[in-house]
C-alpha atoms as a PDB file:
ATOM      1  CA  UNK A   1      38.001 -38.433  81.279  1.00  0.00           C
ATOM      2  CA  UNK A   2      39.228 -35.207  79.676  1.00  0.00           C
ATOM      3  CA  UNK A   3      37.268 -35.474  76.451  1.00  0.00           C
ATOM      4  CA  UNK A   4      36.794 -31.725  76.259  1.00  0.00           C
ATOM      5  CA  UNK A   5      40.541 -31.313  75.659  1.00  0.00           C
ATOM      6  CA  UNK A   6      40.524 -33.369  72.472  1.00  0.00           C
ATOM      7  CA  UNK A   7      41.070 -31.486  69.271  1.00  0.00           C
ATOM      8  CA  UNK A   8      38.650 -31.830  66.393  1.00  0.00           C
ATOM      9  CA  UNK A   9      39.975 -33.933  63.524  1.00  0.00           C
ATOM     10  CA  UNK A  10      41.607 -31.911  60.753  1.00  0.00           C
ATOM     11  CA  UNK A  11      39.994 -31.644  57.352  1.00  0.00           C
ATOM     12  CA  UNK A  12      41.811 -32.607  54.165  1.00  0.00           C
ATOM     13  CA  UNK A  13      42.293 -28.912  53.340  1.00  0.00           C
ATOM     14  CA  UNK A  14      43.882 -28.233  56.738  1.00  0.00           C
ATOM     15  CA  UNK A  15      46.265 -31.160  56.307  1.00  0.00           C
ATOM     16  CA  UNK A  16      47.213 -29.928  52.839  1.00  0.00           C
ATOM     17  CA  UNK A  17      47.720 -26.361  54.116  1.00  0.00           C
ATOM     18  CA  UNK A  18      50.134 -27.612  56.780  1.00  0.00           C
ATOM     19  CA  UNK A  19      52.137 -29.444  54.139  1.00  0.00           C
ATOM     20  CA  UNK A  20      52.478 -26.432  51.815  1.00  0.00           C
ATOM     21  CA  UNK A  21      55.790 -24.595  52.239  1.00  0.00           C
ATOM     22  CA  UNK A  22      54.687 -20.953  51.856  1.00  0.00           C
ATOM     23  CA  UNK A  23      52.153 -18.585  53.380  1.00  0.00           C
ATOM     24  CA  UNK A  24      51.153 -15.005  52.706  1.00  0.00           C
ATOM     25  CA  UNK A  25      48.887 -12.835  54.879  1.00  0.00           C
ATOM     26  CA  UNK A  26      46.985  -9.731  53.788  1.00  0.00           C
ATOM     27  CA  UNK A  27      44.346  -7.644  55.553  1.00  0.00           C
ATOM     28  CA  UNK A  28      40.967  -6.352  54.384  1.00  0.00           C
ATOM     29  CA  UNK A  29      38.313  -4.079  55.865  1.00  0.00           C
ATOM     30  CA  UNK A  30      36.380  -5.677  58.693  1.00  0.00           C
ATOM     31  CA  UNK A  31      33.202  -7.613  57.919  1.00  0.00           C
ATOM     32  CA  UNK A  32      31.315 -10.493  59.563  1.00  0.00           C
ATOM     33  CA  UNK A  33      32.697 -13.985  58.970  1.00  0.00           C
ATOM     34  CA  UNK A  34      29.247 -15.289  57.941  1.00  0.00           C
ATOM     35  CA  UNK A  35      29.002 -12.679  55.187  1.00  0.00           C
ATOM     36  CA  UNK A  36      32.460 -13.594  53.892  1.00  0.00           C
ATOM     37  CA  UNK A  37      31.631 -17.320  53.837  1.00  0.00           C
ATOM     38  CA  UNK A  38      28.352 -16.736  51.996  1.00  0.00           C
ATOM     39  CA  UNK A  39      29.981 -14.505  49.377  1.00  0.00           C
ATOM     40  CA  UNK A  40      33.017 -16.718  48.760  1.00  0.00           C
ATOM     41  CA  UNK A  41      30.926 -19.918  48.734  1.00  0.00           C
ATOM     42  CA  UNK A  42      28.749 -18.362  46.017  1.00  0.00           C
ATOM     43  CA  UNK A  43      31.726 -17.102  43.991  1.00  0.00           C
ATOM     44  CA  UNK A  44      35.335 -17.521  45.080  1.00  0.00           C
ATOM     45  CA  UNK A  45      36.343 -14.443  43.076  1.00  0.00           C
ATOM     46  CA  UNK A  46      34.279 -12.286  45.485  1.00  0.00           C
ATOM     47  CA  UNK A  47      37.537 -11.757  47.375  1.00  0.00           C
ATOM     48  CA  UNK A  48      38.613  -9.451  44.554  1.00  0.00           C
ATOM     49  CA  UNK A  49      35.897  -6.975  45.630  1.00  0.00           C
ATOM     50  CA  UNK A  50      37.157  -6.602  49.226  1.00  0.00           C
ATOM     51  CA  UNK A  51      38.947  -3.392  50.206  1.00  0.00           C
ATOM     52  CA  UNK A  52      42.508  -3.729  51.488  1.00  0.00           C
ATOM     53  CA  UNK A  53      43.593  -2.018  54.704  1.00  0.00           C
ATOM     54  CA  UNK A  54      46.929  -1.207  56.218  1.00  0.00           C
ATOM     55  CA  UNK A  55      47.343  -3.369  59.314  1.00  0.00           C
ATOM     56  CA  UNK A  56      49.393  -0.719  61.071  1.00  0.00           C
ATOM     57  CA  UNK A  57      46.774   1.987  60.446  1.00  0.00           C
ATOM     58  CA  UNK A  58      43.715  -0.010  61.578  1.00  0.00           C
ATOM     59  CA  UNK A  59      44.611  -2.572  64.209  1.00  0.00           C
ATOM     60  CA  UNK A  60      41.186  -2.379  65.880  1.00  0.00           C
ATOM     61  CA  UNK A  61      39.220  -4.726  63.610  1.00  0.00           C
ATOM     62  CA  UNK A  62      40.170  -6.303  60.313  1.00  0.00           C
ATOM     63  CA  UNK A  63      39.742  -9.376  58.191  1.00  0.00           C
ATOM     64  CA  UNK A  64      42.941 -11.302  57.506  1.00  0.00           C
ATOM     65  CA  UNK A  65      43.289 -13.486  54.443  1.00  0.00           C
ATOM     66  CA  UNK A  66      45.890 -16.240  54.627  1.00  0.00           C
ATOM     67  CA  UNK A  67      47.176 -17.950  51.504  1.00  0.00           C
ATOM     68  CA  UNK A  68      48.897 -21.328  51.804  1.00  0.00           C
ATOM     69  CA  UNK A  69      50.672 -22.193  48.569  1.00  0.00           C
ATOM     70  CA  UNK A  70      53.330 -24.269  46.875  1.00  0.00           C
ATOM     71  CA  UNK A  71      56.407 -22.693  45.320  1.00  0.00           C
ATOM     72  CA  UNK A  72      55.052 -23.132  41.788  1.00  0.00           C
ATOM     73  CA  UNK A  73      51.521 -21.929  42.762  1.00  0.00           C
ATOM     74  CA  UNK A  74      50.003 -25.243  41.670  1.00  0.00           C
ATOM     75  CA  UNK A  75      48.239 -25.660  45.047  1.00  0.00           C
ATOM     76  CA  UNK A  76      46.759 -22.571  46.679  1.00  0.00           C
ATOM     77  CA  UNK A  77      44.409 -22.532  49.668  1.00  0.00           C
ATOM     78  CA  UNK A  78      42.776 -19.405  51.066  1.00  0.00           C
ATOM     79  CA  UNK A  79      41.269 -18.844  54.529  1.00  0.00           C
ATOM     80  CA  UNK A  80      39.916 -15.767  56.319  1.00  0.00           C
ATOM     81  CA  UNK A  81      40.248 -14.859  59.990  1.00  0.00           C
ATOM     82  CA  UNK A  82      38.544 -11.946  61.716  1.00  0.00           C
ATOM     83  CA  UNK A  83      40.587 -10.026  64.301  1.00  0.00           C
ATOM     84  CA  UNK A  84      39.562  -7.557  67.001  1.00  0.00           C
ATOM     85  CA  UNK A  85      42.408  -5.806  68.815  1.00  0.00           C
ATOM     86  CA  UNK A  86      44.902  -8.423  67.628  1.00  0.00           C
ATOM     87  CA  UNK A  87      42.834 -11.319  68.984  1.00  0.00           C
ATOM     88  CA  UNK A  88      41.297 -13.851  66.551  1.00  0.00           C
ATOM     89  CA  UNK A  89      37.490 -13.830  66.677  1.00  0.00           C
ATOM     90  CA  UNK A  90      36.634 -16.534  64.156  1.00  0.00           C
ATOM     91  CA  UNK A  91      37.746 -18.072  60.913  1.00  0.00           C
ATOM     92  CA  UNK A  92      36.277 -19.505  57.746  1.00  0.00           C
ATOM     93  CA  UNK A  93      36.833 -22.806  56.087  1.00  0.00           C
ATOM     94  CA  UNK A  94      39.524 -23.098  53.390  1.00  0.00           C
ATOM     95  CA  UNK A  95      38.960 -22.719  49.660  1.00  0.00           C
ATOM     96  CA  UNK A  96      41.095 -23.889  46.790  1.00  0.00           C
ATOM     97  CA  UNK A  97      41.793 -21.044  44.400  1.00  0.00           C
ATOM     98  CA  UNK A  98      43.834 -20.606  41.262  1.00  0.00           C
ATOM     99  CA  UNK A  99      46.867 -18.446  40.655  1.00  0.00           C
ATOM    100  CA  UNK A 100      44.849 -15.761  38.845  1.00  0.00           C
ATOM    101  CA  UNK A 101      42.684 -15.010  41.892  1.00  0.00           C
ATOM    102  CA  UNK A 102      45.704 -14.865  44.184  1.00  0.00           C
ATOM    103  CA  UNK A 103      47.467 -12.616  41.666  1.00  0.00           C
ATOM    104  CA  UNK A 104      44.449 -10.272  41.613  1.00  0.00           C
ATOM    105  CA  UNK A 105      44.391 -10.038  45.403  1.00  0.00           C
ATOM    106  CA  UNK A 106      48.122  -9.444  45.682  1.00  0.00           C
ATOM    107  CA  UNK A 107      47.986  -6.664  43.073  1.00  0.00           C
ATOM    108  CA  UNK A 108      45.658  -4.745  45.410  1.00  0.00           C
ATOM    109  CA  UNK A 109      48.559  -4.701  47.878  1.00  0.00           C
ATOM    110  CA  UNK A 110      51.169  -3.660  45.302  1.00  0.00           C
ATOM    111  CA  UNK A 111      52.703  -7.107  44.895  1.00  0.00           C
ATOM    112  CA  UNK A 112      52.989  -8.980  41.628  1.00  0.00           C
ATOM    113  CA  UNK A 113      53.349 -12.757  41.520  1.00  0.00           C
END
């Protein structure tokens, strides 16, 4: 009767992300979700070319990257969400990445892992 209220089944990546104990969120300059998906699908290291932004300086529109990872960095998943005025406006699928890519991204924000 209320079939429209049913949630879509979760993918294997989403289930794994929920089971991982740690998350980290960083923000990049705004860009369309489709462009991000195309670039990262072609080469996952494309994320290293994105420009970081300070969330507090540009709250209007930004691209948020969320890392889900294990304590030893053996499992790392990355997902992007686009925000406009603190409201989510779309998200990408999840990608498995290695520690080196996450390390490169975090260095842009002054953090070393």
